[in-house]
Amino acid sequence: MKTILITAALIFSFGSVQAKQYEGSTYSEVWSQVESDTYKVLPKNKISVASLFGFLKNKIKRAAKRTLSDRSDILPQFRKLAHPNGICLTGTWEITEENPYGGYFKKGSEALIVARASTALSGTTQGRNRGFGLAGKIFPTNNPLHEEKLETANFFLVDDLGGTKAPHYTGVEMTNAPETSVTTAVLAHAIYAAKLALTFGMADANPNIRQVYEISHLGEANPESIRTPEFMKIGAQKGQTVDRKDFRDELRIENYSGELLMDISVSNGETNGKKNWKKIGVVRFTESAASNSCDHRLHFHHPKWKSDLNH
């Protein structure tokens, strides 16, 4: 069951297009698309086993292959299979502390980021089990008007794959190796999760951890010599709680006087069963958009598993 939960929660999207040569994107084109079609009323996108298959089509097989091979940042309209409801955030990624890692983990690194906060399965409101997720896309520039297309670094974090009754998104910490609770919500969707897990497990070597080497390799001429943290987590700084029933209303930036701060921490290894977390920076979110493009066009690809990373 744990492998099923891990794999299913990490499949974020389905698309109908074939993988093509990735040319990068500009920050402005991506964020402009995200905020171009904001919702007047928040939708309640549902999941179902029926959504995984179409006439003579195995959608999850195509989704798994595309998620690992298509690096596009924006796709034509598509359906997200595991995290169908979200809100997008943008701002800056800032690394402020010394650490041994490369790329955009280096002290002094500043970049633009577009992220999507979401919940696994269908629950969005307080009182229901919600598995909070954060998918991020880092642009190697701090200039929002940069005109040259840039290769982005993507990452995926979740707090608990089975979901919890945590009342606030800002009260949890999300990691690339999340906890796994077997909840009634997950059991109710066990067939759905199993079908996702079986297909995606055949497409990637290790679905249990989403490696973050794209961040440490970004901008590096010789990435094979660069150190990458094994674990990463992001969570909101204390004192920013906003009480809203739906997490998407909770995360609207206007609720935070224009700035929501989330700490970036990394770890290699454990001591007495606990990860040795070190805070190295902050994500400073300054805009938000709950939109059709956030849910159905913004794409985060999954980095394929690498067994030779230098930790």
Protein backbone atom coordinates (compact mmCIF):
# COMPACT_ATOMS: atom_id res chain seq x y z
CA MET A 1 0.00 0.00 0.00
CA LYS A 2 2.83 2.44 0.79
CA THR A 3 4.30 2.11 -2.70
CA ILE A 4 0.86 2.58 -4.21
CA LEU A 5 0.29 5.77 -2.21
CA ILE A 6 3.72 7.19 -2.97
CA THR A 7 3.48 6.56 -6.68
CA ALA A 8 -0.07 7.74 -7.11
CA ALA A 9 0.47 10.96 -5.20
CA LEU A 10 3.47 11.84 -7.33
CA ILE A 11 1.66 11.59 -10.67
CA PHE A 12 0.51 15.15 -11.15
CA SER A 13 -0.82 15.34 -14.69
CA PHE A 14 -2.09 13.83 -17.91
CA GLY A 15 -1.67 15.27 -21.37
CA SER A 16 -2.59 14.25 -24.88
CA VAL A 17 0.46 15.58 -26.68
CA GLN A 18 3.65 13.78 -27.65
CA ALA A 19 6.97 14.78 -26.09
CA LYS A 20 8.88 17.26 -28.15
CA GLN A 21 12.27 18.91 -28.03
CA TYR A 22 12.38 21.19 -25.00
CA GLU A 23 13.46 24.75 -25.82
CA GLY A 24 12.79 26.30 -22.44
CA SER A 25 10.35 29.09 -21.58
CA THR A 26 10.37 32.66 -20.43
CA TYR A 27 8.97 33.42 -17.00
CA SER A 28 6.61 36.03 -18.42
CA GLU A 29 4.97 33.67 -20.92
CA VAL A 30 4.39 31.01 -18.28
CA TRP A 31 2.98 33.28 -15.59
CA SER A 32 0.94 35.29 -18.12
CA GLN A 33 -0.72 32.06 -19.23
CA VAL A 34 -1.41 31.00 -15.63
CA GLU A 35 -3.18 34.25 -14.75
CA SER A 36 -4.98 34.62 -18.10
CA ASP A 37 -8.11 32.66 -17.15
CA THR A 38 -8.69 32.93 -13.41
CA TYR A 39 -11.80 31.31 -11.97
CA LYS A 40 -14.82 33.30 -10.89
CA VAL A 41 -15.92 30.29 -8.82
CA LEU A 42 -13.49 27.63 -7.59
CA PRO A 43 -14.17 24.25 -9.25
CA LYS A 44 -14.39 20.89 -7.48
CA ASN A 45 -12.43 18.69 -9.88
CA LYS A 46 -13.07 15.02 -9.07
CA ILE A 47 -11.06 11.85 -9.62
CA SER A 48 -12.48 8.49 -10.72
CA VAL A 49 -11.28 5.19 -12.14
CA ALA A 50 -13.28 5.97 -15.29
CA SER A 51 -11.11 9.04 -15.88
CA LEU A 52 -8.04 6.83 -16.35
CA PHE A 53 -9.30 5.18 -19.51
CA GLY A 54 -10.90 6.36 -22.74
CA PHE A 55 -12.10 4.58 -25.86
CA LEU A 56 -9.16 2.39 -26.93
CA LYS A 57 -6.82 4.55 -24.85
CA ASN A 58 -4.86 3.85 -21.66
CA LYS A 59 -4.54 7.40 -20.36
CA ILE A 60 -2.33 6.59 -17.37
CA LYS A 61 0.25 4.82 -19.53
CA ARG A 62 0.49 7.82 -21.80
CA ALA A 63 0.51 10.16 -18.79
CA ALA A 64 3.39 8.34 -17.09
CA LYS A 65 5.50 8.32 -20.24
CA ARG A 66 4.80 12.00 -20.95
CA THR A 67 5.42 13.12 -17.37
CA LEU A 68 8.93 11.69 -17.51
CA SER A 69 9.81 12.65 -21.08
CA ASP A 70 8.06 15.94 -21.90
CA ARG A 71 9.77 18.93 -20.30
CA SER A 72 7.28 21.50 -21.62
CA ASP A 73 6.25 24.14 -19.09
CA ILE A 74 2.88 24.84 -20.74
CA LEU A 75 0.77 22.24 -22.56
CA PRO A 76 -2.56 22.29 -24.36
CA GLN A 77 -5.54 21.64 -22.08
CA PHE A 78 -5.08 18.42 -20.07
CA ARG A 79 -6.43 16.67 -16.99
CA LYS A 80 -4.42 16.16 -13.81
CA LEU A 81 -4.97 12.64 -12.51
CA ALA A 82 -3.93 12.78 -8.84
CA HIS A 83 -3.89 16.45 -7.76
CA PRO A 84 -6.79 17.96 -9.73
CA ASN A 85 -7.38 21.07 -7.59
CA GLY A 86 -4.75 23.74 -7.04
CA ILE A 87 -3.73 27.36 -6.83
CA CYS A 88 -0.60 28.79 -8.45
CA LEU A 89 1.91 31.05 -6.72
CA THR A 90 4.87 33.05 -7.98
CA GLY A 91 7.73 34.99 -6.46
CA THR A 92 11.41 34.46 -5.76
CA TRP A 93 13.62 31.57 -4.66
CA GLU A 94 16.42 32.88 -2.42
CA ILE A 95 19.31 30.89 -0.89
CA THR A 96 20.82 32.79 2.03
CA GLU A 97 22.97 30.25 3.92
CA GLU A 98 26.25 28.51 3.16
CA ASN A 99 25.92 24.88 2.06
CA PRO A 100 27.95 22.36 0.01
CA TYR A 101 25.47 22.02 -2.87
CA GLY A 102 25.58 23.35 -6.41
CA GLY A 103 23.40 25.17 -8.90
CA TYR A 104 20.52 27.12 -7.37
CA PHE A 105 21.18 25.66 -3.92
CA LYS A 106 24.34 27.82 -3.70
CA LYS A 107 24.36 30.69 -1.22
CA GLY A 108 23.42 33.92 -2.99
CA SER A 109 21.26 32.23 -5.62
CA GLU A 110 18.14 34.17 -6.56
CA ALA A 111 15.60 32.99 -9.12
CA LEU A 112 12.00 33.40 -10.16
CA ILE A 113 9.67 30.57 -9.25
CA VAL A 114 6.23 29.46 -10.40
CA ALA A 115 4.61 26.89 -8.10
CA ARG A 116 1.34 25.02 -7.79
CA ALA A 117 -0.09 24.20 -4.37
CA SER A 118 -2.54 21.31 -4.47
CA THR A 119 -4.24 18.49 -2.61
CA ALA A 120 -4.18 14.81 -3.53
CA LEU A 121 -7.42 13.18 -4.69
CA SER A 122 -10.55 15.37 -4.45
CA GLY A 123 -10.66 16.97 -0.99
CA THR A 124 -10.04 20.71 -0.77
CA THR A 125 -11.80 21.82 2.42
CA GLN A 126 -11.11 21.65 6.15
CA GLY A 127 -12.39 18.54 7.92
CA ARG A 128 -11.46 16.22 5.04
CA ASN A 129 -8.20 14.33 4.63
CA ARG A 130 -5.97 16.49 2.50
CA GLY A 131 -2.52 15.52 1.20
CA PHE A 132 -0.92 18.91 0.55
CA GLY A 133 1.53 19.15 -2.34
CA LEU A 134 3.81 21.77 -3.82
CA ALA A 135 5.22 21.51 -7.33
CA GLY A 136 7.82 24.13 -8.21
CA LYS A 137 9.41 25.44 -11.38
CA ILE A 138 12.60 27.51 -10.95
CA PHE A 139 13.70 29.96 -13.66
CA PRO A 140 17.44 30.79 -13.56
CA THR A 141 16.92 34.58 -13.57
CA ASN A 142 15.61 37.23 -11.19
CA ASN A 143 14.41 39.44 -14.06
CA PRO A 144 10.71 38.85 -14.87
CA LEU A 145 11.21 40.57 -18.25
CA HIS A 146 14.09 38.31 -19.33
CA GLU A 147 13.36 37.61 -23.01
CA GLU A 148 15.52 34.54 -23.70
CA LYS A 149 13.89 31.13 -23.18
CA LEU A 150 15.36 29.36 -20.15
CA GLU A 151 15.48 25.74 -19.03
CA THR A 152 13.59 25.33 -15.76
CA ALA A 153 14.29 23.07 -12.77
CA ASN A 154 11.22 21.25 -11.42
CA PHE A 155 10.58 19.72 -8.00
CA PHE A 156 7.74 17.91 -6.18
CA LEU A 157 6.99 17.95 -2.44
CA VAL A 158 4.14 16.44 -0.36
CA ASP A 159 3.40 16.51 3.36
CA ASP A 160 1.61 13.17 3.81
CA LEU A 161 0.60 10.97 0.90
CA GLY A 162 -2.50 9.66 2.66
CA GLY A 163 -3.56 13.09 3.82
CA THR A 164 -4.19 14.48 7.29
CA LYS A 165 -6.80 16.60 9.02
CA ALA A 166 -4.36 19.55 9.24
CA PRO A 167 -6.58 22.66 9.09
CA HIS A 168 -4.10 24.87 7.26
CA TYR A 169 -1.70 24.49 4.33
CA THR A 170 0.64 26.89 6.13
CA GLY A 171 0.77 24.53 9.11
CA VAL A 172 2.51 21.61 7.37
CA GLU A 173 5.95 20.93 5.89
CA MET A 174 6.26 19.24 2.50
CA THR A 175 9.19 17.04 1.49
CA ASN A 176 10.43 15.03 -1.49
CA ALA A 177 10.23 11.86 0.68
CA PRO A 178 6.86 12.27 2.40
CA GLU A 179 5.16 10.34 5.17
CA THR A 180 2.49 7.78 4.28
CA SER A 181 -0.73 7.49 6.26
CA VAL A 182 -3.34 4.92 5.22
CA THR A 183 -6.55 6.92 5.55
CA THR A 184 -10.17 6.25 4.72
CA ALA A 185 -9.91 8.62 1.76
CA VAL A 186 -7.05 6.60 0.29
CA LEU A 187 -8.76 3.28 0.94
CA ALA A 188 -11.88 4.58 -0.80
CA HIS A 189 -9.77 5.26 -3.89
CA ALA A 190 -7.50 2.19 -3.60
CA ILE A 191 -8.27 0.89 -7.10
CA TYR A 192 -7.60 4.30 -8.58
CA ALA A 193 -4.29 4.59 -6.70
CA ALA A 194 -3.24 1.07 -7.63
CA LYS A 195 -3.77 1.66 -11.35
CA LEU A 196 -1.70 4.85 -11.19
CA ALA A 197 1.05 3.15 -9.18
CA LEU A 198 1.34 0.09 -11.40
CA THR A 199 1.78 2.11 -14.57
CA PHE A 200 4.05 4.81 -13.20
CA GLY A 201 6.19 2.27 -11.33
CA MET A 202 7.05 0.63 -14.66
CA ALA A 203 8.12 4.01 -16.07
CA ASP A 204 10.58 5.11 -13.37
CA ALA A 205 13.09 3.26 -11.19
CA ASN A 206 12.22 4.65 -7.76
CA PRO A 207 8.92 6.48 -7.20
CA ASN A 208 9.45 6.75 -3.41
CA ILE A 209 11.65 9.87 -3.60
CA ARG A 210 11.55 12.74 -6.05
CA GLN A 211 15.19 13.74 -6.45
CA VAL A 212 16.09 17.44 -6.55
CA TYR A 213 19.18 17.31 -8.77
CA GLU A 214 17.61 19.59 -11.37
CA ILE A 215 18.01 22.44 -8.86
CA SER A 216 21.63 21.58 -7.97
CA HIS A 217 22.58 21.07 -11.64
CA LEU A 218 20.87 24.22 -12.96
CA GLY A 219 23.49 26.49 -14.55
CA GLU A 220 26.39 24.11 -13.85
CA ALA A 221 28.82 23.29 -16.69
CA ASN A 222 29.91 19.99 -15.08
CA PRO A 223 26.92 18.70 -13.09
CA GLU A 224 28.41 15.25 -12.50
CA SER A 225 30.84 16.79 -9.97
CA ILE A 226 28.14 18.74 -8.12
CA ARG A 227 26.70 17.72 -4.75
CA THR A 228 22.92 17.37 -4.43
CA PRO A 229 20.95 17.17 -1.16
CA GLU A 230 19.13 13.90 -0.70
CA PHE A 231 16.14 15.54 0.95
CA MET A 232 14.41 18.92 0.67
CA LYS A 233 11.44 20.39 2.49
CA ILE A 234 9.48 23.63 2.27
CA GLY A 235 7.04 24.98 4.83
CA ALA A 236 5.50 28.34 5.66
CA GLN A 237 7.12 30.47 8.32
CA LYS A 238 5.26 30.67 11.63
CA GLY A 239 2.74 33.41 12.31
CA GLN A 240 1.14 33.45 8.86
CA THR A 241 -2.00 31.41 9.55
CA VAL A 242 -5.10 32.48 7.63
CA ASP A 243 -8.26 30.52 8.41
CA ARG A 244 -10.24 29.65 5.27
CA LYS A 245 -12.33 26.55 4.60
CA ASP A 246 -10.80 25.85 1.16
CA PHE A 247 -6.99 25.78 0.98
CA ARG A 248 -7.08 27.74 -2.28
CA ASP A 249 -8.78 30.65 -0.52
CA GLU A 250 -6.29 30.30 2.34
CA LEU A 251 -3.32 30.75 -0.03
CA ARG A 252 -4.50 33.87 -1.87
CA ILE A 253 -1.59 36.30 -1.51
CA GLU A 254 -3.82 39.24 -0.66
CA ASN A 255 -4.40 37.50 2.69
CA TYR A 256 -0.71 37.98 3.60
CA SER A 257 -0.22 41.69 2.90
CA GLY A 258 1.31 40.76 -0.45
CA GLU A 259 3.98 38.29 0.75
CA LEU A 260 3.83 34.65 1.89
CA LEU A 261 7.18 33.32 3.16
CA MET A 262 8.19 29.65 3.08
CA ASP A 263 11.48 28.28 4.43
CA ILE A 264 13.71 26.01 2.30
CA SER A 265 15.54 23.27 4.21
CA VAL A 266 17.77 20.40 3.04
CA SER A 267 19.24 17.25 4.58
CA ASN A 268 21.64 14.42 3.85
CA GLY A 269 21.21 11.36 6.00
CA GLU A 270 19.65 10.88 9.44
CA THR A 271 20.63 10.82 13.11
CA ASN A 272 18.64 8.50 15.40
CA GLY A 273 16.04 8.13 12.69
CA LYS A 274 15.58 11.86 12.17
CA LYS A 275 16.74 13.86 9.16
CA ASN A 276 19.41 16.49 9.77
CA TRP A 277 17.48 19.46 8.43
CA LYS A 278 19.25 22.76 7.78
CA LYS A 279 17.44 25.89 6.69
CA ILE A 280 19.24 27.43 3.71
CA GLY A 281 16.80 29.95 2.25
CA VAL A 282 13.31 31.20 1.62
CA VAL A 283 10.64 31.23 -1.07
CA ARG A 284 8.99 34.64 -1.17
CA PHE A 285 5.59 34.30 -2.86
CA THR A 286 4.11 37.63 -3.98
CA GLU A 287 1.30 36.73 -6.41
CA SER A 288 -1.32 34.00 -6.70
CA ALA A 289 -3.79 32.78 -9.31
CA ALA A 290 -6.45 30.07 -9.13
CA SER A 291 -7.15 29.45 -12.80
CA ASN A 292 -7.98 26.99 -15.54
CA SER A 293 -4.40 27.20 -16.83
CA CYS A 294 -3.04 26.51 -13.34
CA ASP A 295 -5.11 23.31 -13.18
CA HIS A 296 -5.08 22.27 -16.83
CA ARG A 297 -2.13 23.79 -18.73
CA LEU A 298 0.81 24.34 -16.36
CA HIS A 299 3.01 21.23 -16.51
CA PHE A 300 5.71 19.98 -14.12
CA HIS A 301 7.77 17.09 -15.42
CA HIS A 302 9.22 14.41 -13.11
CA PRO A 303 13.03 14.13 -13.10
CA LYS A 304 14.04 10.55 -13.86
CA TRP A 305 15.80 8.62 -11.10
CA LYS A 306 19.60 8.92 -11.03
CA SER A 307 21.58 6.32 -9.08
CA ASP A 308 24.95 8.08 -9.41
CA LEU A 309 24.24 11.41 -7.72
CA ASN A 310 26.95 12.92 -5.54
CA HIS A 311 25.40 13.61 -2.10
